[in-house]
C-alpha atoms as a PDB file:
ATOM      1  CA  MET A   1       0.000   0.000   0.000  1.00  0.00           C
ATOM      2  CA  SER A   2       1.391   3.381  -1.035  1.00  0.00           C
ATOM      3  CA  PHE A   3       1.608   6.308   1.377  1.00  0.00           C
ATOM      4  CA  LYS A   4      -0.924   8.200  -0.747  1.00  0.00           C
ATOM      5  CA  THR A   5      -3.431   5.364  -0.416  1.00  0.00           C
ATOM      6  CA  PHE A   6      -2.819   5.211   3.335  1.00  0.00           C
ATOM      7  CA  LEU A   7      -3.520   8.953   3.669  1.00  0.00           C
ATOM      8  CA  ARG A   8      -6.739   8.388   1.726  1.00  0.00           C
ATOM      9  CA  HIS A   9      -7.814   5.707   4.208  1.00  0.00           C
ATOM     10  CA  VAL A  10      -6.983   7.992   7.148  1.00  0.00           C
ATOM     11  CA  ARG A  11      -9.032  10.854   5.641  1.00  0.00           C
ATOM     12  CA  GLU A  12     -11.973   8.511   5.029  1.00  0.00           C
ATOM     13  CA  GLY A  13     -11.720   7.176   8.573  1.00  0.00           C
ATOM     14  CA  PHE A  14     -11.861  10.708  10.003  1.00  0.00           C
ATOM     15  CA  LYS A  15     -14.742  11.650   7.697  1.00  0.00           C
ATOM     16  CA  ASN A  16     -16.729   8.560   8.677  1.00  0.00           C
ATOM     17  CA  VAL A  17     -16.522   9.459  12.379  1.00  0.00           C
ATOM     18  CA  PHE A  18     -18.143  12.859  11.746  1.00  0.00           C
ATOM     19  CA  ARG A  19     -20.347  11.697   8.870  1.00  0.00           C
ATOM     20  CA  ASN A  20     -22.084   9.078  11.009  1.00  0.00           C
ATOM     21  CA  GLY A  21     -22.899  11.599  13.702  1.00  0.00           C
ATOM     22  CA  TRP A  22     -25.001  10.041  16.425  1.00  0.00           C
ATOM     23  CA  MET A  23     -23.812   6.503  15.712  1.00  0.00           C
ATOM     24  CA  SER A  24     -20.226   7.620  16.367  1.00  0.00           C
ATOM     25  CA  VAL A  25     -21.380   9.431  19.502  1.00  0.00           C
ATOM     26  CA  ALA A  26     -23.086   6.233  20.678  1.00  0.00           C
ATOM     27  CA  SER A  27     -19.892   4.224  20.141  1.00  0.00           C
ATOM     28  CA  ILE A  28     -17.731   6.825  21.895  1.00  0.00           C
ATOM     29  CA  THR A  29     -20.200   7.049  24.790  1.00  0.00           C
ATOM     30  CA  SER A  30     -20.163   3.278  25.154  1.00  0.00           C
ATOM     31  CA  ILE A  31     -16.356   3.341  25.322  1.00  0.00           C
ATOM     32  CA  VAL A  32     -16.319   6.220  27.828  1.00  0.00           C
ATOM     33  CA  VAL A  33     -18.837   4.578  30.187  1.00  0.00           C
ATOM     34  CA  SER A  34     -17.203   1.138  30.032  1.00  0.00           C
ATOM     35  CA  LEU A  35     -13.639   2.397  30.400  1.00  0.00           C
ATOM     36  CA  PHE A  36     -14.643   4.826  33.152  1.00  0.00           C
ATOM     37  CA  VAL A  37     -16.070   1.998  35.258  1.00  0.00           C
ATOM     38  CA  LEU A  38     -12.965  -0.059  34.522  1.00  0.00           C
ATOM     39  CA  GLY A  39     -10.687   2.885  35.384  1.00  0.00           C
ATOM     40  CA  VAL A  40     -12.454   3.522  38.694  1.00  0.00           C
ATOM     41  CA  PHE A  41     -12.047  -0.109  39.660  1.00  0.00           C
ATOM     42  CA  ILE A  42      -8.365  -0.099  38.630  1.00  0.00           C
ATOM     43  CA  LEU A  43      -7.786   2.963  40.844  1.00  0.00           C
ATOM     44  CA  LEU A  44      -9.553   1.186  43.696  1.00  0.00           C
ATOM     45  CA  VAL A  45      -7.440  -1.949  43.257  1.00  0.00           C
ATOM     46  CA  LEU A  46      -4.193   0.066  43.018  1.00  0.00           C
ATOM     47  CA  ASN A  47      -4.967   1.879  46.272  1.00  0.00           C
ATOM     48  CA  VAL A  48      -6.017  -1.300  48.057  1.00  0.00           C
ATOM     49  CA  ASN A  49      -2.785  -2.957  46.907  1.00  0.00           C
ATOM     50  CA  GLU A  50      -0.831   0.065  48.157  1.00  0.00           C
ATOM     51  CA  VAL A  51      -2.421  -0.293  51.597  1.00  0.00           C
ATOM     52  CA  ALA A  52      -1.681  -4.026  51.553  1.00  0.00           C
ATOM     53  CA  ASP A  53       1.955  -3.408  50.574  1.00  0.00           C
ATOM     54  CA  LYS A  54       2.375  -0.874  53.383  1.00  0.00           C
ATOM     55  CA  ALA A  55       0.847  -3.303  55.875  1.00  0.00           C
ATOM     56  CA  ASP A  56       3.245  -6.018  54.687  1.00  0.00           C
ATOM     57  CA  SER A  57       6.295  -3.746  54.788  1.00  0.00           C
ATOM     58  CA  GLN A  58       5.589  -2.676  58.384  1.00  0.00           C
ATOM     59  CA  VAL A  59       6.025  -6.215  59.671  1.00  0.00           C
ATOM     60  CA  GLN A  60       9.256  -6.394  61.691  1.00  0.00           C
ATOM     61  CA  ILE A  61      11.004  -9.060  63.717  1.00  0.00           C
ATOM     62  CA  ASN A  62      11.777  -8.151  67.329  1.00  0.00           C
ATOM     63  CA  VAL A  63      14.781 -10.063  68.644  1.00  0.00           C
ATOM     64  CA  HIS A  64      14.814  -9.647  72.442  1.00  0.00           C
ATOM     65  CA  LEU A  65      18.204 -10.280  74.028  1.00  0.00           C
ATOM     66  CA  THR A  66      18.913 -11.804  77.402  1.00  0.00           C
ATOM     67  CA  LEU A  67      19.905  -9.426  80.210  1.00  0.00           C
ATOM     68  CA  ASN A  68      23.485 -10.733  80.389  1.00  0.00           C
ATOM     69  CA  THR A  69      24.226 -10.253  76.661  1.00  0.00           C
ATOM     70  CA  ASP A  70      27.268  -7.980  76.364  1.00  0.00           C
ATOM     71  CA  GLN A  71      28.104  -5.560  73.550  1.00  0.00           C
ATOM     72  CA  LYS A  72      30.536  -7.932  71.859  1.00  0.00           C
ATOM     73  CA  MET A  73      27.953 -10.720  71.636  1.00  0.00           C
ATOM     74  CA  ARG A  74      25.251  -8.286  70.536  1.00  0.00           C
ATOM     75  CA  GLU A  75      27.404  -6.928  67.690  1.00  0.00           C
ATOM     76  CA  LYS A  76      28.213 -10.495  66.638  1.00  0.00           C
ATOM     77  CA  LEU A  77      24.492 -11.283  66.472  1.00  0.00           C
ATOM     78  CA  GLU A  78      23.868  -8.120  64.457  1.00  0.00           C
ATOM     79  CA  ASN A  79      26.471  -9.192  61.904  1.00  0.00           C
ATOM     80  CA  GLU A  80      25.125 -12.749  61.700  1.00  0.00           C
ATOM     81  CA  ILE A  81      21.535 -11.586  61.215  1.00  0.00           C
ATOM     82  CA  GLY A  82      22.548  -8.811  58.811  1.00  0.00           C
ATOM     83  CA  SER A  83      24.430 -11.302  56.627  1.00  0.00           C
ATOM     84  CA  MET A  84      21.261 -13.304  55.988  1.00  0.00           C
ATOM     85  CA  PRO A  85      20.241 -12.793  52.327  1.00  0.00           C
ATOM     86  CA  GLU A  86      16.594 -12.161  53.265  1.00  0.00           C
ATOM     87  CA  VAL A  87      17.436  -9.335  55.714  1.00  0.00           C
ATOM     88  CA  SER A  88      17.567  -5.696  54.597  1.00  0.00           C
ATOM     89  CA  LYS A  89      18.245  -3.917  57.894  1.00  0.00           C
ATOM     90  CA  VAL A  90      19.163  -4.635  61.513  1.00  0.00           C
ATOM     91  CA  GLU A  91      18.740  -1.886  64.131  1.00  0.00           C
ATOM     92  CA  PHE A  92      19.763  -2.031  67.780  1.00  0.00           C
ATOM     93  CA  VAL A  93      17.283  -0.625  70.315  1.00  0.00           C
ATOM     94  CA  SER A  94      18.639  -0.266  73.837  1.00  0.00           C
ATOM     95  CA  LYS A  95      16.392  -0.962  76.810  1.00  0.00           C
ATOM     96  CA  GLU A  96      16.510   2.772  77.669  1.00  0.00           C
ATOM     97  CA  GLN A  97      15.286   3.677  74.199  1.00  0.00           C
ATOM     98  CA  GLY A  98      12.719   0.893  74.421  1.00  0.00           C
ATOM     99  CA  LEU A  99      11.337   2.273  77.675  1.00  0.00           C
ATOM    100  CA  LYS A 100      11.154   5.783  76.191  1.00  0.00           C
ATOM    101  CA  GLU A 101       9.246   4.521  73.136  1.00  0.00           C
ATOM    102  CA  PHE A 102       6.965   2.466  75.386  1.00  0.00           C
ATOM    103  CA  ARG A 103       6.081   5.585  77.407  1.00  0.00           C
ATOM    104  CA  GLU A 104       5.315   7.490  74.190  1.00  0.00           C
ATOM    105  CA  ASP A 105       3.119   4.667  72.874  1.00  0.00           C
ATOM    106  CA  MET A 106       1.170   4.380  76.143  1.00  0.00           C
ATOM    107  CA  GLY A 107       0.594   8.128  76.352  1.00  0.00           C
ATOM    108  CA  PRO A 108       0.124  10.421  79.378  1.00  0.00           C
ATOM    109  CA  ASP A 109      -2.771   8.328  80.729  1.00  0.00           C
ATOM    110  CA  ALA A 110      -0.349   5.541  81.678  1.00  0.00           C
ATOM    111  CA  ALA A 111       2.194   7.819  83.388  1.00  0.00           C
ATOM    112  CA  GLU A 112       1.215   6.618  86.856  1.00  0.00           C
ATOM    113  CA  LEU A 113       1.593   2.957  85.892  1.00  0.00           C
ATOM    114  CA  LEU A 114       5.136   3.561  84.624  1.00  0.00           C
ATOM    115  CA  GLU A 115       6.139   5.898  87.428  1.00  0.00           C
ATOM    116  CA  GLY A 116       8.507   3.446  89.124  1.00  0.00           C
ATOM    117  CA  PHE A 117      10.452   2.542  86.000  1.00  0.00           C
ATOM    118  CA  ASP A 118      13.635   4.415  85.103  1.00  0.00           C
ATOM    119  CA  GLU A 119      17.167   3.681  83.866  1.00  0.00           C
ATOM    120  CA  ASP A 120      18.093   1.894  87.096  1.00  0.00           C
ATOM    121  CA  ASN A 121      14.828  -0.036  87.254  1.00  0.00           C
ATOM    122  CA  ASN A 122      14.074  -1.023  83.663  1.00  0.00           C
ATOM    123  CA  PRO A 123      12.466  -4.436  83.070  1.00  0.00           C
ATOM    124  CA  LEU A 124      12.771  -4.223  79.288  1.00  0.00           C
ATOM    125  CA  PRO A 125      15.611  -6.077  77.531  1.00  0.00           C
ATOM    126  CA  ASP A 126      17.778  -4.764  74.712  1.00  0.00           C
ATOM    127  CA  LYS A 127      16.483  -5.828  71.321  1.00  0.00           C
ATOM    128  CA  LEU A 128      17.278  -5.936  67.639  1.00  0.00           C
ATOM    129  CA  LEU A 129      14.727  -4.754  65.069  1.00  0.00           C
ATOM    130  CA  VAL A 130      15.033  -6.778  61.879  1.00  0.00           C
ATOM    131  CA  GLU A 131      13.528  -5.769  58.532  1.00  0.00           C
ATOM    132  CA  VAL A 132      13.370  -8.168  55.595  1.00  0.00           C
ATOM    133  CA  ILE A 133      13.429  -7.593  51.843  1.00  0.00           C
ATOM    134  CA  GLU A 134      10.337  -9.687  51.124  1.00  0.00           C
ATOM    135  CA  PRO A 135       7.682  -9.450  53.895  1.00  0.00           C
ATOM    136  CA  THR A 136       6.389 -12.979  53.296  1.00  0.00           C
ATOM    137  CA  THR A 137       9.773 -14.386  54.412  1.00  0.00           C
ATOM    138  CA  VAL A 138       9.327 -13.033  57.969  1.00  0.00           C
ATOM    139  CA  PRO A 139       8.329 -16.408  59.553  1.00  0.00           C
ATOM    140  CA  PHE A 140      11.231 -18.173  57.824  1.00  0.00           C
ATOM    141  CA  VAL A 141      13.767 -15.522  58.895  1.00  0.00           C
ATOM    142  CA  ALA A 142      12.424 -15.612  62.472  1.00  0.00           C
ATOM    143  CA  GLU A 143      13.098 -19.349  62.607  1.00  0.00           C
ATOM    144  CA  LYS A 144      16.643 -18.826  61.304  1.00  0.00           C
ATOM    145  CA  ILE A 145      17.278 -16.191  63.989  1.00  0.00           C
ATOM    146  CA  GLU A 146      15.940 -18.473  66.734  1.00  0.00           C
ATOM    147  CA  ALA A 147      18.291 -21.195  65.493  1.00  0.00           C
ATOM    148  CA  LEU A 148      21.286 -18.905  66.153  1.00  0.00           C
ATOM    149  CA  ASN A 149      20.909 -19.653  69.868  1.00  0.00           C
ATOM    150  CA  LYS A 150      22.116 -23.185  69.196  1.00  0.00           C
ATOM    151  CA  THR A 151      25.398 -21.873  67.809  1.00  0.00           C
ATOM    152  CA  HIS A 152      26.261 -19.893  70.958  1.00  0.00           C
ATOM    153  CA  GLU A 153      26.836 -21.292  74.421  1.00  0.00           C
ATOM    154  CA  GLU A 154      25.573 -18.060  75.995  1.00  0.00           C
ATOM    155  CA  GLN A 155      22.225 -18.356  74.152  1.00  0.00           C
ATOM    156  CA  PRO A 156      21.929 -14.539  73.855  1.00  0.00           C
ATOM    157  CA  ILE A 157      18.437 -14.553  72.322  1.00  0.00           C
ATOM    158  CA  TYR A 158      15.655 -14.474  74.884  1.00  0.00           C
ATOM    159  CA  LYS A 159      12.696 -14.305  72.504  1.00  0.00           C
ATOM    160  CA  VAL A 160      11.936 -13.715  68.822  1.00  0.00           C
ATOM    161  CA  ASN A 161       8.620 -12.015  68.222  1.00  0.00           C
ATOM    162  CA  TYR A 162       6.977 -11.008  64.951  1.00  0.00           C
ATOM    163  CA  GLY A 163       3.282 -11.464  65.699  1.00  0.00           C
ATOM    164  CA  LYS A 164       3.145 -15.136  64.842  1.00  0.00           C
ATOM    165  CA  GLY A 165      -0.312 -16.148  63.666  1.00  0.00           C
ATOM    166  CA  SER A 166      -1.486 -12.588  63.009  1.00  0.00           C
ATOM    167  CA  VAL A 167       1.246 -11.994  60.422  1.00  0.00           C
ATOM    168  CA  GLU A 168       0.425 -15.174  58.494  1.00  0.00           C
ATOM    169  CA  THR A 169      -3.242 -14.147  58.470  1.00  0.00           C
ATOM    170  CA  LEU A 170      -2.296 -10.660  57.258  1.00  0.00           C
ATOM    171  CA  PHE A 171      -0.278 -12.101  54.369  1.00  0.00           C
ATOM    172  CA  LYS A 172      -3.166 -14.415  53.379  1.00  0.00           C
ATOM    173  CA  VAL A 173      -5.645 -11.510  53.419  1.00  0.00           C
ATOM    174  CA  THR A 174      -3.424  -9.173  51.381  1.00  0.00           C
ATOM    175  CA  LYS A 175      -2.721 -11.937  48.853  1.00  0.00           C
ATOM    176  CA  ALA A 176      -6.454 -12.652  48.522  1.00  0.00           C
ATOM    177  CA  VAL A 177      -7.176  -8.925  48.051  1.00  0.00           C
ATOM    178  CA  ARG A 178      -4.620  -8.700  45.220  1.00  0.00           C
ATOM    179  CA  ASN A 179      -5.902 -11.847  43.503  1.00  0.00           C
ATOM    180  CA  ILE A 180      -9.565 -10.827  43.765  1.00  0.00           C
ATOM    181  CA  GLY A 181      -8.726  -7.355  42.455  1.00  0.00           C
ATOM    182  CA  PHE A 182      -6.877  -8.801  39.460  1.00  0.00           C
ATOM    183  CA  ILE A 183      -9.753 -11.182  38.646  1.00  0.00           C
ATOM    184  CA  PHE A 184     -12.348  -8.398  38.832  1.00  0.00           C
ATOM    185  CA  VAL A 185     -10.275  -6.055  36.650  1.00  0.00           C
ATOM    186  CA  ALA A 186      -9.701  -8.794  34.056  1.00  0.00           C
ATOM    187  CA  GLY A 187     -13.404  -9.733  34.042  1.00  0.00           C
ATOM    188  CA  LEU A 188     -14.502  -6.105  33.771  1.00  0.00           C
ATOM    189  CA  ALA A 189     -12.050  -5.532  30.906  1.00  0.00           C
ATOM    190  CA  LEU A 190     -13.520  -8.478  28.977  1.00  0.00           C
ATOM    191  CA  MET A 191     -17.075  -7.251  29.607  1.00  0.00           C
ATOM    192  CA  SER A 192     -16.076  -3.790  28.383  1.00  0.00           C
ATOM    193  CA  MET A 193     -14.575  -5.263  25.212  1.00  0.00           C
ATOM    194  CA  PHE A 194     -17.743  -7.155  24.309  1.00  0.00           C
ATOM    195  CA  LEU A 195     -20.055  -4.247  25.184  1.00  0.00           C
ATOM    196  CA  ILE A 196     -18.072  -1.746  23.123  1.00  0.00           C
ATOM    197  CA  SER A 197     -17.526  -4.102  20.174  1.00  0.00           C
ATOM    198  CA  ASN A 198     -21.264  -4.817  20.032  1.00  0.00           C
ATOM    199  CA  THR A 199     -22.010  -1.091  19.901  1.00  0.00           C
ATOM    200  CA  ILE A 200     -19.505  -0.649  17.056  1.00  0.00           C
ATOM    201  CA  ARG A 201     -21.003  -3.677  15.330  1.00  0.00           C
ATOM    202  CA  VAL A 202     -24.434  -2.015  15.368  1.00  0.00           C
ATOM    203  CA  THR A 203     -22.856   1.102  13.847  1.00  0.00           C
ATOM    204  CA  ILE A 204     -21.350  -0.893  10.974  1.00  0.00           C
ATOM    205  CA  LEU A 205     -24.546  -2.918  10.532  1.00  0.00           C
ATOM    206  CA  ALA A 206     -26.352   0.314   9.699  1.00  0.00           C
ATOM    207  CA  ARG A 207     -23.847   0.870   6.870  1.00  0.00           C
ATOM    208  CA  ARG A 208     -24.029  -2.574   5.243  1.00  0.00           C
ATOM    209  CA  LYS A 209     -25.572  -1.047   2.098  1.00  0.00           C
ATOM    210  CA  GLU A 210     -22.559   1.251   1.726  1.00  0.00           C
ATOM    211  CA  ILE A 211     -20.217  -1.739   2.022  1.00  0.00           C
ATOM    212  CA  GLY A 212     -22.247  -3.733  -0.491  1.00  0.00           C
ATOM    213  CA  ILE A 213     -22.090  -0.928  -3.078  1.00  0.00           C
ATOM    214  CA  MET A 214     -18.328  -0.645  -2.663  1.00  0.00           C
ATOM    215  CA  LYS A 215     -18.030  -4.401  -3.285  1.00  0.00           C
ATOM    216  CA  LEU A 216     -20.196  -4.226  -6.397  1.00  0.00           C
ATOM    217  CA  VAL A 217     -18.060  -1.486  -7.992  1.00  0.00           C
ATOM    218  CA  GLY A 218     -14.944  -3.631  -7.556  1.00  0.00           C
ATOM    219  CA  ALA A 219     -13.379  -2.432  -4.291  1.00  0.00           C
ATOM    220  CA  THR A 220     -11.170  -5.045  -2.662  1.00  0.00           C
ATOM    221  CA  ASN A 221     -11.740  -6.228   0.900  1.00  0.00           C
ATOM    222  CA  TYR A 222      -8.432  -4.660   1.835  1.00  0.00           C
ATOM    223  CA  PHE A 223      -9.497  -1.282   0.416  1.00  0.00           C
ATOM    224  CA  ILE A 224     -12.879  -1.383   2.201  1.00  0.00           C
ATOM    225  CA  ARG A 225     -11.502  -2.553   5.550  1.00  0.00           C
ATOM    226  CA  TRP A 226      -8.874   0.141   6.128  1.00  0.00           C
ATOM    227  CA  PRO A 227     -11.182   3.186   6.595  1.00  0.00           C
ATOM    228  CA  PHE A 228     -13.238   1.175   9.115  1.00  0.00           C
ATOM    229  CA  PHE A 229     -10.001   0.141  10.790  1.00  0.00           C
ATOM    230  CA  ILE A 230      -8.960   3.804  11.136  1.00  0.00           C
ATOM    231  CA  GLU A 231     -12.468   4.811  12.221  1.00  0.00           C
ATOM    232  CA  GLY A 232     -12.537   2.195  14.974  1.00  0.00           C
ATOM    233  CA  ALA A 233      -9.091   3.255  16.228  1.00  0.00           C
ATOM    234  CA  LEU A 234     -10.128   6.918  16.243  1.00  0.00           C
ATOM    235  CA  ILE A 235     -13.378   6.211  18.110  1.00  0.00           C
ATOM    236  CA  GLY A 236     -11.455   4.177  20.676  1.00  0.00           C
ATOM    237  CA  LEU A 237      -8.817   6.910  21.034  1.00  0.00           C
ATOM    238  CA  ILE A 238     -11.377   9.696  21.549  1.00  0.00           C
ATOM    239  CA  GLY A 239     -13.349   7.632  24.064  1.00  0.00           C
ATOM    240  CA  SER A 240     -10.258   6.660  26.067  1.00  0.00           C
ATOM    241  CA  LEU A 241      -8.909  10.240  26.146  1.00  0.00           C
ATOM    242  CA  VAL A 242     -12.272  11.538  27.416  1.00  0.00           C
ATOM    243  CA  THR A 243     -12.259   8.786  30.054  1.00  0.00           C
ATOM    244  CA  SER A 244      -8.695   9.611  31.135  1.00  0.00           C
ATOM    245  CA  GLY A 245      -9.602  13.290  31.493  1.00  0.00           C
ATOM    246  CA  ALA A 246     -12.721  12.512  33.534  1.00  0.00           C
ATOM    247  CA  LEU A 247     -10.771  10.164  35.820  1.00  0.00           C
ATOM    248  CA  TYR A 248      -8.046  12.769  36.292  1.00  0.00           C
ATOM    249  CA  VAL A 249     -10.504  15.464  37.367  1.00  0.00           C
ATOM    250  CA  GLY A 250     -12.527  13.159  39.626  1.00  0.00           C
ATOM    251  CA  TYR A 251      -9.609  11.332  41.250  1.00  0.00           C
ATOM    252  CA  SER A 252      -7.539  14.493  41.787  1.00  0.00           C
ATOM    253  CA  SER A 253     -10.517  16.106  43.557  1.00  0.00           C
ATOM    254  CA  LEU A 254     -10.930  12.999  45.713  1.00  0.00           C
ATOM    255  CA  VAL A 255      -7.224  12.956  46.658  1.00  0.00           C
ATOM    256  CA  SER A 256      -7.367  16.651  47.610  1.00  0.00           C
ATOM    257  CA  SER A 257     -10.467  16.092  49.745  1.00  0.00           C
ATOM    258  CA  VAL A 258      -9.053  13.048  51.532  1.00  0.00           C
ATOM    259  CA  GLN A 259      -5.649  14.593  52.217  1.00  0.00           C
ATOM    260  CA  GLY A 260      -7.319  17.768  53.445  1.00  0.00           C
ATOM    261  CA  ASP A 261      -9.210  15.815  56.119  1.00  0.00           C
ATOM    262  CA  PRO A 262      -6.731  14.168  58.538  1.00  0.00           C
ATOM    263  CA  MET A 263      -9.630  12.635  60.489  1.00  0.00           C
ATOM    264  CA  LEU A 264     -10.177  10.125  57.674  1.00  0.00           C
ATOM    265  CA  GLY A 265      -6.677   8.725  58.048  1.00  0.00           C
ATOM    266  CA  LEU A 266      -6.491   7.717  54.362  1.00  0.00           C
ATOM    267  CA  GLN A 267      -3.503   8.179  52.057  1.00  0.00           C
ATOM    268  CA  LEU A 268      -4.391   7.767  48.389  1.00  0.00           C
ATOM    269  CA  ILE A 269      -1.802   7.338  45.653  1.00  0.00           C
ATOM    270  CA  PRO A 270      -1.224  10.718  43.908  1.00  0.00           C
ATOM    271  CA  PHE A 271      -2.531  10.639  40.333  1.00  0.00           C
ATOM    272  CA  GLU A 272       0.868  11.847  39.098  1.00  0.00           C
ATOM    273  CA  ASP A 273       2.382   8.553  40.260  1.00  0.00           C
ATOM    274  CA  ILE A 274       0.000   6.354  38.266  1.00  0.00           C
ATOM    275  CA  TRP A 275      -1.292   8.508  35.393  1.00  0.00           C
ATOM    276  CA  LEU A 276       1.185   7.124  32.843  1.00  0.00           C
ATOM    277  CA  PHE A 277       0.246   3.519  33.610  1.00  0.00           C
ATOM    278  CA  LEU A 278      -3.508   4.152  33.870  1.00  0.00           C
ATOM    279  CA  CYS A 279      -3.890   6.454  30.854  1.00  0.00           C
ATOM    280  CA  GLY A 280      -1.587   4.280  28.752  1.00  0.00           C
ATOM    281  CA  LEU A 281      -3.649   1.224  29.656  1.00  0.00           C
ATOM    282  CA  LEU A 282      -6.989   2.924  28.916  1.00  0.00           C
ATOM    283  CA  VAL A 283      -5.816   4.467  25.629  1.00  0.00           C
ATOM    284  CA  GLY A 284      -4.279   1.197  24.476  1.00  0.00           C
ATOM    285  CA  LEU A 285      -7.396  -0.741  25.477  1.00  0.00           C
ATOM    286  CA  GLY A 286      -9.716   1.814  23.849  1.00  0.00           C
ATOM    287  CA  VAL A 287      -7.864   1.769  20.525  1.00  0.00           C
ATOM    288  CA  LEU A 288      -7.570  -2.024  20.615  1.00  0.00           C
ATOM    289  CA  ILE A 289     -11.289  -2.490  21.286  1.00  0.00           C
ATOM    290  CA  GLY A 290     -12.218   0.040  18.597  1.00  0.00           C
ATOM    291  CA  VAL A 291     -10.060  -1.669  15.974  1.00  0.00           C
ATOM    292  CA  TRP A 292     -11.113  -5.145  17.068  1.00  0.00           C
ATOM    293  CA  GLY A 293     -14.812  -4.266  17.044  1.00  0.00           C
ATOM    294  CA  SER A 294     -14.594  -2.732  13.582  1.00  0.00           C
ATOM    295  CA  THR A 295     -12.504  -5.574  12.126  1.00  0.00           C
ATOM    296  CA  VAL A 296     -14.698  -8.363  13.500  1.00  0.00           C
ATOM    297  CA  SER A 297     -17.942  -6.634  12.562  1.00  0.00           C
ATOM    298  CA  ILE A 298     -17.030  -5.798   8.967  1.00  0.00           C
ATOM    299  CA  ARG A 299     -15.740  -9.255   8.186  1.00  0.00           C
ATOM    300  CA  LYS A 300     -19.184 -10.776   7.631  1.00  0.00           C
ATOM    301  CA  PHE A 301     -20.183  -8.011   5.233  1.00  0.00           C
ATOM    302  CA  LEU A 302     -17.119  -8.551   3.075  1.00  0.00           C
ATOM    303  CA  LYS A 303     -18.296 -12.076   2.209  1.00  0.00           C
ATOM    304  CA  VAL A 304     -20.493 -10.940  -0.679  1.00  0.00           C
END
């Protein structure tokens, strides 16, 4: 196909969008509504996954040391734990710092209960805070740390705590949330494809006489198909751009409202962080559905 012929197909595709008026509007509206619902759900899933990731990343392993563990043994433990491939960070928290943080967590209401505790009378042990690279490896790493006691006669580790039971449940819940979100998005995308393609199919059905005439005067299937191909892509592009704009305005307003109200305690992902992925996905899906709907629908009318 020559470049001149291609430009002719592009011009015809653009003309057909405006020439068919309300039928093009119906197709674009169908794309906008379907992709808008899909986009809203994708934003919901992305934010839920963000919350799940933050919950996972906040899981830490508390390694409580025995009272007679000296600095040399503690530093040796730090090095051994830090050398584990699953571990990203090891932080020492002295019992004095632990008591201070405990007072802050309990608040002023518990001041009387903690009145007798000070540096000379501190029941808390020193501890190591361990962070891992992959949150789901926390139980495995905790077992490895507990096993270090067997390699030292002093047995410097008093207790390893990471919220056993609760953490495993948390990981199961967050995994289920991600899987359910993916399934719903995939299902909604398929439903959108069929809904939009059916609308485009109705548009082309109304023009079957035009296609028949072109066939009778000797136009090849290839020559007939290209303007519809361009028209479908253009309809999909317009619909997806309108959807992206509507989502930007709506989501940005929602983010501003939520961040402006600290009582809600919600932290949504800024649109700037996800706009490239979301808009790229919607535009690509819109153009794909438009082309696919046009191609599939016109095929039956070319068999004349």
